[in-house]
Amino acid sequence: MRFLNQTFIFMSFLLFFSYCKEEAKVEQKTVKIKIVQDVNASVKKEITLLLAKRNSYTTLVLLEDTLKTIEYIKPLFESRSPYFTDKGKLNPVADTLITILKEARYYGLIPDDYHYQVIENLKQNYFNVKDSMYDVFAIARSEVLLLDAYFKFGAHLNKGRFYPDSLLLEWNPKKLDSNWVSILNEGLLTGRIRAAFDSLEPQHEGYKFLKKELKKYILENDNLVWDSISFANVKDTALLFQQLKRRLLLTGEYDSTIKGSDSVKLARAIKKFQPKFNLEPDGKLGKYTKQAFGYDKEKIIRQMEMALERWRWEPREFGKKYFWVNIPSADLHIWEYDKKEKRDTLVLKSNVVVGKPDTPTPHAVKSKINYMLIYPYWNVPYSIAWKEILPMVQKDTSYLRKKGFECVDYKGRVMDISKMKWKKYNKEYLPFKFRQRIGGDNSLGICKFNFHNKYGIYMHDTNSKKYFKTFYRYQSHGCIRLEKFVETAKFLIRDDSLKIPFDTLIEYFLTPTQRQIRIKKPVAIYTKYYTALANDSTGLSLYIDIYKQDEKMMKMVYRNR
């Protein structure tokens, strides 16, 4: 007995260390069965053997495929199998699942991330007409791949493929809805897998409309192909003109029938093209128009895919009232739940100015607006103080008076600027703060909306309102400048109108005295980064990837493609 135990242990170690070599041999493995009534039992046996290879691991490496959901699918196969075939033929559930995987791009996902092509190839090996034999290993392998694909697809529909804070691809089931496994199990047992997937997806209208627009875009442009256009080191302008003309003809903006020179026709076509990316329709090839021409058809599809991915990171509900600042579109939407309509309704839309690409507005803020400050001081951040204001003062000390600045030491005392020796101050030695006095000329304008966040940003009125009327509203140092600050303030005090009537609020705005108004019921605020949005009134809207966040995600998702 002792000898047998030692032999068993030795053989176990031998099998373990020879696993990689065995796996290489398995790729060519076929297990043939002649009698159709024996197929299901043989498939079940092969499935058991396959799953046993990674008994103590949460990941199973099956030939060239890595299965991440083994801890969920292994118990299912132990209780019942096969799930997707019967006597060597695919059942209706399998047909439905394979169709969904084939059309994964309509969901903003990639078919081959769910073994689609491998499964398609295996299907050809189920039954060999020449010798009338079934390959139960091919059937068993496709069973395992299909169930893994089912759970992985459901997980990705539910909460996406990324860790949102770092934009790293991850497999983390703990972030998923607590009932995701039971939903998928129910869908599998009842055969209603589409319904299971539907219930796991985000239920926000923005997600549903965008998903619909993605499918529409893919189908409408199925037979069209256009390349991205590069403006780097252009030497042949005639060739560039032809590339632009060809592109704009394909996408319907170039009209060769109108009167005018080729350059006039091109300028008019560019004017039609620019609004598709929320760009000013001036007919000129500016920096961001050139960036838009860098999008070929595939990249536009991927842009929508990244937006769907972001929707999957969102909470199921945002609250009864909330502020939504989208950075690529540079606007604010204030939403409120309508009990009668049973949906979020738009209360207010306002243009905003957000951060420049080199001083970006953080795009994952989640907080609550808890108070307004009327006639705020602007305490200049250190980086702006030494980079921008100090050099101006060192050139001309009257700059402080002209712009309404004063200097405050770190005990809050106002300093005598006439006695300060400006040449000795620099980045390393700046023992005071610049503070701009309250008033209409203050950079924060008349009203500041505060919400706690680790980045120190806030939303505010501004004394420089010219950018609100432009399409290029990426001009701030990171904070959010708000065009409709009066309407926003009115909305925030609505629940406290007895204490502060609207007329009183307007009087406060006209009187240059600092006042702090606490919000009776703080309202949620979110900053987001969606370069593709859709709704039932305007359809699809695309925006430039101003901070290159989509580009980072695309590189991760399509790294080896």
Protein backbone atom coordinates (compact mmCIF):
# COMPACT_ATOMS: atom_id res chain seq x y z
CA MET A 1 0.00 0.00 0.00
CA ARG A 2 2.81 2.39 0.91
CA PHE A 3 4.48 1.61 -2.43
CA LEU A 4 1.25 2.36 -4.26
CA ASN A 5 0.83 5.69 -2.45
CA GLN A 6 4.40 6.72 -3.30
CA THR A 7 3.84 5.68 -6.91
CA PHE A 8 0.63 7.75 -7.04
CA ILE A 9 2.38 10.84 -5.60
CA PHE A 10 5.26 10.44 -8.05
CA MET A 11 2.89 10.14 -10.99
CA SER A 12 0.95 13.21 -9.82
CA PHE A 13 4.11 15.32 -9.77
CA LEU A 14 5.12 13.93 -13.13
CA LEU A 15 1.77 14.90 -14.62
CA PHE A 16 1.97 18.37 -13.08
CA PHE A 17 5.44 19.19 -14.37
CA SER A 18 4.69 17.76 -17.79
CA TYR A 19 1.52 19.85 -18.10
CA CYS A 20 2.87 22.33 -20.64
CA LYS A 21 4.20 19.52 -22.81
CA GLU A 22 0.89 17.67 -22.52
CA GLU A 23 -1.00 20.81 -23.43
CA ALA A 24 0.99 21.13 -26.66
CA LYS A 25 -0.02 17.55 -27.59
CA VAL A 26 -3.67 18.16 -26.75
CA GLU A 27 -3.98 20.67 -29.57
CA GLN A 28 -3.94 17.82 -32.08
CA LYS A 29 -6.14 15.55 -30.01
CA THR A 30 -9.25 13.96 -31.46
CA VAL A 31 -11.58 11.57 -29.69
CA LYS A 32 -13.86 9.89 -32.20
CA ILE A 33 -17.22 8.27 -31.48
CA LYS A 34 -19.31 6.37 -34.01
CA ILE A 35 -22.55 5.76 -32.12
CA VAL A 36 -24.61 8.95 -31.86
CA GLN A 37 -26.28 7.83 -28.61
CA ASP A 38 -22.83 7.78 -26.94
CA VAL A 39 -21.87 11.31 -27.93
CA ASN A 40 -23.34 13.22 -24.97
CA ALA A 41 -21.79 10.91 -22.36
CA SER A 42 -18.40 11.07 -24.11
CA VAL A 43 -18.58 14.87 -24.35
CA LYS A 44 -19.32 15.08 -20.63
CA LYS A 45 -16.30 12.87 -19.91
CA GLU A 46 -14.02 15.07 -22.05
CA ILE A 47 -15.32 18.23 -20.35
CA THR A 48 -14.49 16.70 -16.95
CA LEU A 49 -10.96 15.94 -18.13
CA LEU A 50 -10.48 19.44 -19.49
CA LEU A 51 -11.67 21.16 -16.31
CA ALA A 52 -9.52 18.89 -14.13
CA LYS A 53 -6.37 20.43 -15.59
CA ARG A 54 -6.79 23.52 -13.44
CA ASN A 55 -8.53 22.18 -10.40
CA SER A 56 -6.94 24.61 -7.94
CA TYR A 57 -6.84 27.71 -10.14
CA THR A 58 -9.36 30.37 -11.09
CA THR A 59 -7.98 30.45 -14.64
CA LEU A 60 -7.89 27.59 -17.10
CA VAL A 61 -5.52 27.72 -20.06
CA LEU A 62 -7.12 25.64 -22.77
CA LEU A 63 -4.73 25.40 -25.71
CA GLU A 64 -4.37 29.00 -26.99
CA ASP A 65 -7.39 30.26 -25.02
CA THR A 66 -7.38 31.61 -21.48
CA LEU A 67 -10.61 31.08 -19.56
CA LYS A 68 -11.20 33.63 -16.79
CA THR A 69 -14.56 32.35 -15.55
CA ILE A 70 -13.54 28.82 -14.58
CA GLU A 71 -14.67 29.27 -10.95
CA TYR A 72 -18.22 29.94 -12.19
CA ILE A 73 -18.51 27.47 -15.05
CA LYS A 74 -16.85 24.46 -13.41
CA PRO A 75 -19.69 23.90 -10.87
CA LEU A 76 -22.24 24.18 -13.67
CA PHE A 77 -20.55 21.48 -15.72
CA GLU A 78 -20.32 19.28 -12.62
CA SER A 79 -24.09 19.46 -12.18
CA ARG A 80 -25.03 19.14 -15.82
CA SER A 81 -23.49 18.88 -19.29
CA PRO A 82 -23.52 19.40 -22.16
CA TYR A 83 -25.29 22.76 -22.30
CA PHE A 84 -24.98 23.80 -25.92
CA THR A 85 -25.02 20.57 -27.91
CA ASP A 86 -27.14 17.45 -28.13
CA LYS A 87 -25.78 14.36 -29.84
CA GLY A 88 -23.19 16.35 -31.74
CA LYS A 89 -25.42 19.20 -32.88
CA LEU A 90 -25.73 22.75 -31.58
CA ASN A 91 -28.99 23.49 -29.77
CA PRO A 92 -31.04 26.74 -30.11
CA VAL A 93 -29.35 28.30 -27.04
CA ALA A 94 -25.95 27.80 -28.66
CA ASP A 95 -27.19 29.25 -31.95
CA THR A 96 -28.44 32.35 -30.13
CA LEU A 97 -25.21 32.77 -28.16
CA ILE A 98 -23.00 32.35 -31.23
CA THR A 99 -25.07 34.94 -33.09
CA ILE A 100 -24.66 37.37 -30.18
CA LEU A 101 -20.90 36.78 -30.11
CA LYS A 102 -20.70 37.28 -33.86
CA GLU A 103 -22.49 40.62 -33.43
CA ALA A 104 -20.50 41.64 -30.36
CA ARG A 105 -19.50 44.91 -32.02
CA TYR A 106 -23.12 46.05 -31.83
CA TYR A 107 -22.54 45.98 -28.07
CA GLY A 108 -19.20 47.79 -28.39
CA LEU A 109 -17.26 44.56 -27.73
CA ILE A 110 -14.96 42.37 -29.83
CA PRO A 111 -16.12 38.91 -31.02
CA ASP A 112 -12.76 37.19 -30.66
CA ASP A 113 -12.46 38.26 -27.01
CA TYR A 114 -15.14 35.59 -26.52
CA HIS A 115 -13.55 32.80 -28.61
CA TYR A 116 -15.91 33.44 -31.54
CA GLN A 117 -13.59 32.37 -34.38
CA VAL A 118 -12.22 29.40 -32.43
CA ILE A 119 -15.79 28.18 -31.80
CA GLU A 120 -16.66 28.64 -35.48
CA ASN A 121 -13.65 26.54 -36.46
CA LEU A 122 -14.46 23.81 -33.93
CA LYS A 123 -18.00 23.52 -35.29
CA GLN A 124 -16.55 22.22 -38.54
CA ASN A 125 -14.99 19.28 -36.66
CA TYR A 126 -18.05 18.04 -34.81
CA PHE A 127 -18.93 15.45 -37.42
CA ASN A 128 -16.80 14.01 -40.21
CA VAL A 129 -18.99 13.01 -43.15
CA LYS A 130 -16.25 10.84 -44.68
CA ASP A 131 -15.99 8.39 -41.78
CA SER A 132 -19.32 9.22 -40.07
CA MET A 133 -17.48 9.87 -36.78
CA TYR A 134 -18.06 12.51 -34.09
CA ASP A 135 -15.06 14.33 -32.56
CA VAL A 136 -16.22 14.60 -28.97
CA PHE A 137 -13.08 16.47 -27.93
CA ALA A 138 -13.91 19.30 -30.37
CA ILE A 139 -17.48 19.33 -29.06
CA ALA A 140 -16.32 19.32 -25.42
CA ARG A 141 -13.82 22.10 -26.05
CA SER A 142 -16.48 24.28 -27.71
CA GLU A 143 -18.85 23.60 -24.79
CA VAL A 144 -16.27 24.96 -22.35
CA LEU A 145 -15.44 27.93 -24.57
CA LEU A 146 -19.10 28.79 -25.07
CA LEU A 147 -19.87 28.79 -21.36
CA ASP A 148 -16.77 30.87 -20.64
CA ALA A 149 -17.79 33.28 -23.41
CA TYR A 150 -21.30 33.49 -21.96
CA PHE A 151 -20.10 34.48 -18.49
CA LYS A 152 -17.30 36.75 -19.72
CA PHE A 153 -19.61 38.55 -22.15
CA GLY A 154 -22.19 39.05 -19.40
CA ALA A 155 -19.53 40.38 -17.02
CA HIS A 156 -18.21 42.85 -19.61
CA LEU A 157 -21.72 44.05 -20.44
CA ASN A 158 -22.33 44.66 -16.76
CA LYS A 159 -19.27 46.64 -15.63
CA GLY A 160 -16.90 46.81 -18.57
CA ARG A 161 -13.35 45.64 -19.15
CA PHE A 162 -11.35 48.39 -17.42
CA TYR A 163 -10.41 49.57 -13.97
CA PRO A 164 -11.76 53.14 -14.46
CA ASP A 165 -9.27 55.03 -12.29
CA SER A 166 -6.18 53.69 -14.04
CA LEU A 167 -7.61 52.64 -17.44
CA LEU A 168 -6.00 49.23 -17.02
CA LEU A 169 -7.67 46.14 -18.39
CA GLU A 170 -8.72 43.88 -15.56
CA TRP A 171 -10.77 40.83 -14.60
CA ASN A 172 -12.36 41.65 -11.27
CA PRO A 173 -15.67 39.87 -10.59
CA LYS A 174 -15.97 41.65 -7.23
CA LYS A 175 -16.95 44.89 -9.00
CA LEU A 176 -19.92 43.25 -10.75
CA ASP A 177 -23.54 43.42 -9.61
CA SER A 178 -24.00 40.95 -6.76
CA ASN A 179 -26.65 38.99 -8.68
CA TRP A 180 -24.80 38.71 -12.01
CA VAL A 181 -24.09 34.99 -11.67
CA SER A 182 -27.67 34.13 -10.72
CA ILE A 183 -28.97 36.17 -13.67
CA LEU A 184 -26.73 34.31 -16.10
CA ASN A 185 -27.54 30.95 -14.54
CA GLU A 186 -31.25 31.64 -14.89
CA GLY A 187 -30.81 32.71 -18.50
CA LEU A 188 -28.89 29.53 -19.26
CA LEU A 189 -31.41 27.20 -17.62
CA THR A 190 -34.45 28.87 -19.22
CA GLY A 191 -32.78 29.45 -22.59
CA ARG A 192 -33.43 33.21 -22.34
CA ILE A 193 -29.83 34.35 -22.64
CA ARG A 194 -30.63 37.58 -24.52
CA ALA A 195 -32.90 38.62 -21.66
CA ALA A 196 -30.13 37.81 -19.19
CA PHE A 197 -27.67 40.00 -21.08
CA ASP A 198 -30.24 42.80 -21.38
CA SER A 199 -30.80 42.86 -17.62
CA LEU A 200 -27.06 43.06 -16.95
CA GLU A 201 -26.49 46.02 -19.28
CA PRO A 202 -26.75 49.64 -18.09
CA GLN A 203 -30.33 50.84 -18.17
CA HIS A 204 -29.48 54.52 -18.73
CA GLU A 205 -31.15 56.06 -21.77
CA GLY A 206 -27.81 57.48 -22.92
CA TYR A 207 -26.37 53.96 -23.13
CA LYS A 208 -29.37 52.56 -24.97
CA PHE A 209 -29.46 55.35 -27.54
CA LEU A 210 -25.71 55.16 -28.14
CA LYS A 211 -25.82 51.40 -28.57
CA LYS A 212 -28.59 51.85 -31.14
CA GLU A 213 -26.56 54.52 -32.97
CA LEU A 214 -23.46 52.31 -33.01
CA LYS A 215 -25.31 49.48 -34.73
CA LYS A 216 -26.89 51.93 -37.16
CA TYR A 217 -23.49 53.46 -37.98
CA ILE A 218 -21.88 50.06 -38.60
CA LEU A 219 -24.69 48.91 -40.90
CA GLU A 220 -25.04 52.19 -42.81
CA ASN A 221 -21.31 52.38 -43.50
CA ASP A 222 -20.76 48.67 -44.08
CA ASN A 223 -19.80 49.12 -47.74
CA LEU A 224 -17.85 52.36 -47.24
CA VAL A 225 -14.16 52.55 -46.43
CA TRP A 226 -12.24 55.74 -45.83
CA ASP A 227 -8.74 56.22 -44.48
CA SER A 228 -7.50 58.65 -41.90
CA ILE A 229 -5.74 61.70 -43.34
CA SER A 230 -2.36 62.75 -41.99
CA PHE A 231 -1.24 66.37 -42.07
CA ALA A 232 2.28 65.66 -40.83
CA ASN A 233 5.07 66.81 -43.16
CA VAL A 234 2.75 67.49 -46.10
CA LYS A 235 4.83 68.04 -49.24
CA ASP A 236 2.28 67.40 -51.97
CA THR A 237 -0.69 69.73 -51.38
CA ALA A 238 -2.42 68.53 -54.54
CA LEU A 239 -2.37 64.97 -53.19
CA LEU A 240 -3.71 66.20 -49.83
CA PHE A 241 -6.54 68.00 -51.64
CA GLN A 242 -7.49 64.80 -53.46
CA GLN A 243 -7.43 62.81 -50.20
CA LEU A 244 -9.72 65.34 -48.53
CA LYS A 245 -12.05 65.43 -51.52
CA ARG A 246 -12.25 61.63 -51.69
CA ARG A 247 -12.99 61.40 -47.98
CA LEU A 248 -15.66 64.10 -48.04
CA LEU A 249 -17.30 62.58 -51.13
CA LEU A 250 -17.55 59.22 -49.39
CA THR A 251 -19.11 60.66 -46.25
CA GLY A 252 -21.47 62.95 -48.17
CA GLU A 253 -20.15 66.45 -47.40
CA TYR A 254 -18.55 67.28 -50.76
CA ASP A 255 -20.98 68.50 -53.42
CA SER A 256 -19.38 68.59 -56.86
CA THR A 257 -22.52 70.09 -58.45
CA ILE A 258 -22.33 73.49 -56.75
CA LYS A 259 -20.75 76.45 -58.53
CA GLY A 260 -17.29 77.66 -57.61
CA SER A 261 -13.66 76.64 -57.68
CA ASP A 262 -12.34 73.41 -56.22
CA SER A 263 -11.06 75.29 -53.17
CA VAL A 264 -14.51 76.84 -52.60
CA LYS A 265 -16.19 73.45 -52.89
CA LEU A 266 -13.67 71.97 -50.45
CA ALA A 267 -14.17 74.78 -47.93
CA ARG A 268 -17.96 74.27 -48.07
CA ALA A 269 -17.51 70.51 -47.60
CA ILE A 270 -15.27 71.08 -44.59
CA LYS A 271 -17.94 73.40 -43.16
CA LYS A 272 -20.45 70.55 -43.37
CA PHE A 273 -17.96 68.09 -41.88
CA GLN A 274 -16.92 70.13 -38.85
CA PRO A 275 -20.23 70.08 -36.91
CA LYS A 276 -20.08 66.27 -36.91
CA PHE A 277 -17.29 66.64 -34.34
CA ASN A 278 -18.76 69.70 -32.60
CA LEU A 279 -16.22 71.95 -34.32
CA GLU A 280 -16.78 75.52 -35.46
CA PRO A 281 -17.97 75.39 -39.11
CA ASP A 282 -15.47 77.87 -40.52
CA GLY A 283 -14.29 75.75 -43.45
CA LYS A 284 -10.67 76.00 -42.28
CA LEU A 285 -8.18 73.24 -41.52
CA GLY A 286 -7.44 74.18 -37.92
CA LYS A 287 -5.72 71.99 -35.36
CA TYR A 288 -8.81 70.09 -34.24
CA THR A 289 -10.35 69.83 -37.70
CA LYS A 290 -7.14 68.10 -38.75
CA GLN A 291 -7.47 65.81 -35.74
CA ALA A 292 -11.02 64.95 -36.81
CA PHE A 293 -9.80 63.99 -40.29
CA GLY A 294 -7.47 61.56 -38.52
CA TYR A 295 -10.52 59.41 -37.71
CA ASP A 296 -11.15 56.66 -40.22
CA LYS A 297 -14.37 54.64 -40.09
CA GLU A 298 -12.91 52.07 -37.70
CA LYS A 299 -11.71 54.70 -35.25
CA ILE A 300 -15.14 56.34 -35.13
CA ILE A 301 -16.64 52.93 -34.33
CA ARG A 302 -14.03 52.46 -31.61
CA GLN A 303 -14.81 55.93 -30.26
CA MET A 304 -18.43 54.84 -29.72
CA GLU A 305 -17.22 51.56 -28.19
CA MET A 306 -15.15 53.46 -25.61
CA ALA A 307 -18.19 55.58 -24.74
CA LEU A 308 -20.30 52.44 -24.18
CA GLU A 309 -17.50 51.12 -22.01
CA ARG A 310 -17.66 54.26 -19.88
CA TRP A 311 -21.43 53.89 -19.47
CA ARG A 312 -20.79 50.47 -17.91
CA TRP A 313 -18.75 52.11 -15.16
CA GLU A 314 -21.66 54.30 -14.13
CA PRO A 315 -23.83 53.63 -11.08
CA ARG A 316 -27.31 52.27 -11.66
CA GLU A 317 -28.75 55.61 -10.48
CA PHE A 318 -27.26 59.10 -10.26
CA GLY A 319 -29.77 60.51 -7.79
CA LYS A 320 -32.99 62.49 -8.00
CA LYS A 321 -31.09 65.63 -9.01
CA TYR A 322 -27.58 65.85 -10.39
CA PHE A 323 -25.13 67.97 -12.37
CA TRP A 324 -23.39 66.27 -15.30
CA VAL A 325 -20.34 68.04 -16.75
CA ASN A 326 -19.06 66.37 -19.92
CA ILE A 327 -15.55 67.55 -20.77
CA PRO A 328 -15.29 66.74 -24.52
CA SER A 329 -18.57 68.55 -25.25
CA ALA A 330 -17.73 71.30 -22.71
CA ASP A 331 -21.22 71.62 -21.32
CA LEU A 332 -23.28 71.11 -18.18
CA HIS A 333 -26.57 69.24 -18.01
CA ILE A 334 -28.70 69.46 -14.88
CA TRP A 335 -31.01 66.47 -14.58
CA GLU A 336 -33.96 65.80 -12.32
CA TYR A 337 -36.07 62.68 -11.95
CA ASP A 338 -39.64 63.21 -13.15
CA LYS A 339 -42.01 61.04 -11.10
CA LYS A 340 -44.78 61.33 -13.69
CA GLU A 341 -42.58 60.42 -16.66
CA LYS A 342 -40.51 58.00 -14.55
CA ARG A 343 -37.29 59.17 -16.16
CA ASP A 344 -34.57 61.79 -15.75
CA THR A 345 -35.53 65.05 -17.45
CA LEU A 346 -33.26 67.90 -18.49
CA VAL A 347 -33.77 70.99 -16.34
CA LEU A 348 -30.92 73.16 -17.62
CA LYS A 349 -28.15 73.03 -20.19
CA SER A 350 -25.23 75.45 -20.12
CA ASN A 351 -21.96 75.85 -21.95
CA VAL A 352 -18.89 75.58 -19.75
CA VAL A 353 -15.18 76.20 -20.22
CA VAL A 354 -12.99 73.32 -19.05
CA GLY A 355 -9.26 72.76 -18.71
CA LYS A 356 -6.70 73.02 -21.48
CA PRO A 357 -5.09 69.75 -22.59
CA ASP A 358 -2.00 70.60 -20.52
CA THR A 359 -4.11 71.62 -17.47
CA PRO A 360 -7.02 69.18 -17.80
CA THR A 361 -10.19 69.16 -15.76
CA PRO A 362 -10.34 65.87 -13.81
CA HIS A 363 -12.89 63.64 -15.53
CA ALA A 364 -13.90 61.30 -12.72
CA VAL A 365 -15.11 63.68 -10.01
CA LYS A 366 -18.08 62.55 -7.96
CA SER A 367 -19.16 64.97 -5.26
CA LYS A 368 -21.98 67.22 -4.01
CA ILE A 369 -22.39 70.97 -4.33
CA ASN A 370 -22.83 72.07 -0.74
CA TYR A 371 -22.56 75.86 -0.88
CA MET A 372 -22.32 78.91 -3.12
CA LEU A 373 -19.97 81.80 -2.46
CA ILE A 374 -21.20 85.10 -3.82
CA TYR A 375 -18.44 87.56 -4.70
CA PRO A 376 -15.55 85.22 -3.95
CA TYR A 377 -11.91 86.08 -3.67
CA TRP A 378 -9.65 84.24 -6.07
CA ASN A 379 -6.78 82.69 -4.14
CA VAL A 380 -4.35 82.04 -6.96
CA PRO A 381 -2.95 78.47 -7.02
CA TYR A 382 0.79 78.24 -6.50
CA SER A 383 1.55 76.94 -10.00
CA ILE A 384 -0.29 79.87 -11.64
CA ALA A 385 1.29 82.30 -9.17
CA TRP A 386 4.91 81.57 -10.08
CA LYS A 387 4.40 80.61 -13.74
CA GLU A 388 2.13 83.44 -14.85
CA ILE A 389 1.54 86.24 -12.34
CA LEU A 390 4.99 86.64 -10.76
CA PRO A 391 6.75 87.18 -14.13
CA MET A 392 4.14 89.81 -15.07
CA VAL A 393 4.61 91.65 -11.76
CA GLN A 394 8.39 91.55 -12.06
CA LYS A 395 8.05 93.28 -15.43
CA ASP A 396 5.44 95.78 -14.27
CA THR A 397 4.32 96.13 -10.65
CA SER A 398 1.25 98.09 -11.73
CA TYR A 399 -0.08 94.76 -13.06
CA LEU A 400 -1.36 93.98 -9.55
CA ARG A 401 -3.38 97.18 -9.34
CA LYS A 402 -4.75 96.85 -12.86
CA LYS A 403 -5.94 93.28 -12.26
CA GLY A 404 -7.17 93.82 -8.69
CA PHE A 405 -4.60 91.59 -6.97
CA GLU A 406 -3.24 91.89 -3.46
CA CYS A 407 -0.60 89.86 -1.65
CA VAL A 408 -1.50 87.94 1.48
CA ASP A 409 0.97 86.26 3.82
CA TYR A 410 0.39 82.78 5.21
CA LYS A 411 -1.30 84.24 8.29
CA GLY A 412 -3.91 85.91 6.10
CA ARG A 413 -2.54 89.46 6.46
CA VAL A 414 -2.58 91.79 3.46
CA MET A 415 0.97 92.93 2.62
CA ASP A 416 2.20 96.34 1.46
CA ILE A 417 3.17 95.64 -2.16
CA SER A 418 5.10 98.92 -2.45
CA LYS A 419 7.68 97.62 0.02
CA MET A 420 8.15 94.19 -1.59
CA LYS A 421 11.39 93.39 -3.44
CA TRP A 422 10.04 91.48 -6.42
CA LYS A 423 13.32 90.37 -7.97
CA LYS A 424 14.15 88.08 -5.06
CA TYR A 425 11.00 85.99 -5.45
CA ASN A 426 10.95 82.85 -7.57
CA LYS A 427 9.48 79.36 -7.77
CA GLU A 428 11.43 78.17 -4.72
CA TYR A 429 10.85 81.32 -2.67
CA LEU A 430 7.34 82.75 -2.74
CA PRO A 431 6.33 83.43 0.91
CA PHE A 432 2.88 84.84 0.14
CA LYS A 433 -0.21 84.29 -1.97
CA PHE A 434 -1.73 86.38 -4.71
CA ARG A 435 -5.39 87.08 -4.05
CA GLN A 436 -7.76 88.82 -6.42
CA ARG A 437 -10.27 91.17 -4.81
CA ILE A 438 -14.00 90.59 -5.09
CA GLY A 439 -15.93 92.32 -7.84
CA GLY A 440 -17.02 92.01 -11.43
CA ASP A 441 -13.42 91.91 -12.66
CA ASN A 442 -12.54 88.93 -10.49
CA SER A 443 -11.55 85.83 -12.51
CA LEU A 444 -14.14 83.77 -10.59
CA GLY A 445 -16.83 86.29 -11.45
CA ILE A 446 -19.78 86.82 -9.14
CA CYS A 447 -20.50 83.30 -7.92
CA LYS A 448 -18.51 80.19 -7.05
CA PHE A 449 -20.05 76.74 -6.56
CA ASN A 450 -18.11 74.57 -4.13
CA PHE A 451 -17.94 70.79 -3.97
CA HIS A 452 -15.39 68.71 -2.09
CA ASN A 453 -12.81 66.90 -4.22
CA LYS A 454 -9.18 65.92 -3.99
CA TYR A 455 -8.22 68.02 -7.01
CA GLY A 456 -9.26 71.37 -5.54
CA ILE A 457 -11.44 72.29 -8.52
CA TYR A 458 -14.76 74.14 -8.41
CA MET A 459 -17.33 75.66 -10.76
CA HIS A 460 -17.67 79.41 -11.12
CA ASP A 461 -18.81 82.41 -13.07
CA THR A 462 -16.07 84.30 -14.91
CA ASN A 463 -15.18 87.83 -15.96
CA SER A 464 -14.03 86.46 -19.34
CA LYS A 465 -17.17 85.26 -21.11
CA LYS A 466 -15.98 85.30 -24.73
CA TYR A 467 -15.19 81.56 -24.87
CA PHE A 468 -18.76 80.56 -24.05
CA LYS A 469 -19.80 81.52 -27.58
CA THR A 470 -17.05 79.50 -29.24
CA PHE A 471 -16.78 75.78 -30.03
CA TYR A 472 -13.29 75.58 -28.54
CA ARG A 473 -14.08 75.79 -24.83
CA TYR A 474 -10.94 74.13 -23.42
CA GLN A 475 -9.26 77.20 -21.94
CA SER A 476 -9.13 77.00 -18.13
CA HIS A 477 -6.48 75.85 -15.68
CA GLY A 478 -8.72 72.95 -14.64
CA CYS A 479 -11.71 74.56 -12.94
CA ILE A 480 -15.10 74.77 -14.64
CA ARG A 481 -16.30 78.17 -15.83
CA LEU A 482 -20.09 78.30 -16.04
CA GLU A 483 -22.09 80.43 -18.48
CA LYS A 484 -25.57 80.19 -16.90
CA PHE A 485 -24.54 80.74 -13.30
CA VAL A 486 -27.68 82.69 -12.39
CA GLU A 487 -30.04 79.93 -13.56
CA THR A 488 -27.85 77.33 -11.83
CA ALA A 489 -27.92 79.25 -8.55
CA LYS A 490 -31.69 79.60 -8.82
CA PHE A 491 -32.04 75.83 -9.23
CA LEU A 492 -29.85 75.17 -6.18
CA ILE A 493 -31.88 77.41 -3.84
CA ARG A 494 -35.23 76.18 -5.14
CA ASP A 495 -35.76 73.94 -2.09
CA ASP A 496 -34.95 76.87 0.19
CA SER A 497 -36.88 79.64 -1.60
CA LEU A 498 -38.70 80.69 1.58
CA LYS A 499 -35.41 81.55 3.25
CA ILE A 500 -33.81 82.99 0.12
CA PRO A 501 -36.34 84.12 -2.52
CA PHE A 502 -35.08 84.43 -6.07
CA ASP A 503 -35.40 88.23 -5.96
CA THR A 504 -33.14 88.29 -2.92
CA LEU A 505 -30.58 86.14 -4.74
CA ILE A 506 -30.52 88.61 -7.65
CA GLU A 507 -30.07 91.45 -5.18
CA TYR A 508 -27.07 89.62 -3.71
CA PHE A 509 -25.58 89.31 -7.20
CA LEU A 510 -25.92 93.08 -7.70
CA THR A 511 -24.35 93.97 -4.34
CA PRO A 512 -20.54 93.41 -4.14
CA THR A 513 -20.54 91.92 -0.66
CA GLN A 514 -19.29 88.42 0.02
CA ARG A 515 -21.95 85.96 1.16
CA GLN A 516 -21.93 82.20 1.63
CA ILE A 517 -25.16 80.31 0.94
CA ARG A 518 -25.42 76.75 2.17
CA ILE A 519 -27.42 74.43 -0.05
CA LYS A 520 -30.27 72.95 1.95
CA LYS A 521 -30.11 69.67 0.02
CA PRO A 522 -26.64 69.30 -1.54
CA VAL A 523 -26.84 68.22 -5.19
CA ALA A 524 -24.62 65.59 -6.79
CA ILE A 525 -22.12 66.68 -9.43
CA TYR A 526 -20.17 64.45 -11.81
CA THR A 527 -17.46 65.25 -14.32
CA LYS A 528 -17.39 62.83 -17.26
CA TYR A 529 -15.47 62.11 -20.45
CA TYR A 530 -17.74 61.05 -23.30
CA THR A 531 -16.61 61.73 -26.87
CA ALA A 532 -19.73 60.02 -28.24
CA LEU A 533 -23.24 60.71 -26.94
CA ALA A 534 -26.72 59.98 -28.24
CA ASN A 535 -30.30 60.87 -27.38
CA ASP A 536 -33.75 60.65 -28.94
CA SER A 537 -33.82 64.25 -30.22
CA THR A 538 -30.37 64.91 -31.75
CA GLY A 539 -29.20 61.37 -32.45
CA LEU A 540 -25.45 60.75 -32.43
CA SER A 541 -22.98 63.48 -31.36
CA LEU A 542 -19.23 63.05 -31.68
CA TYR A 543 -16.50 65.14 -30.05
CA ILE A 544 -12.75 65.45 -30.33
CA ASP A 545 -10.73 63.32 -27.91
CA ILE A 546 -9.28 66.48 -26.41
CA TYR A 547 -7.33 64.79 -23.59
CA LYS A 548 -6.51 61.63 -25.61
CA GLN A 549 -8.29 59.43 -23.06
CA ASP A 550 -10.07 57.37 -25.73
CA GLU A 551 -6.76 56.85 -27.47
CA LYS A 552 -5.28 55.31 -24.30
CA MET A 553 -8.22 52.92 -23.97
CA MET A 554 -8.16 51.95 -27.64
CA LYS A 555 -4.48 51.06 -27.44
CA MET A 556 -5.22 48.75 -24.50
CA VAL A 557 -8.22 47.04 -26.11
CA TYR A 558 -6.76 46.72 -29.59
CA ARG A 559 -3.13 46.22 -28.58
CA ASN A 560 -2.58 42.99 -30.51
CA ARG A 561 -5.03 43.62 -33.34
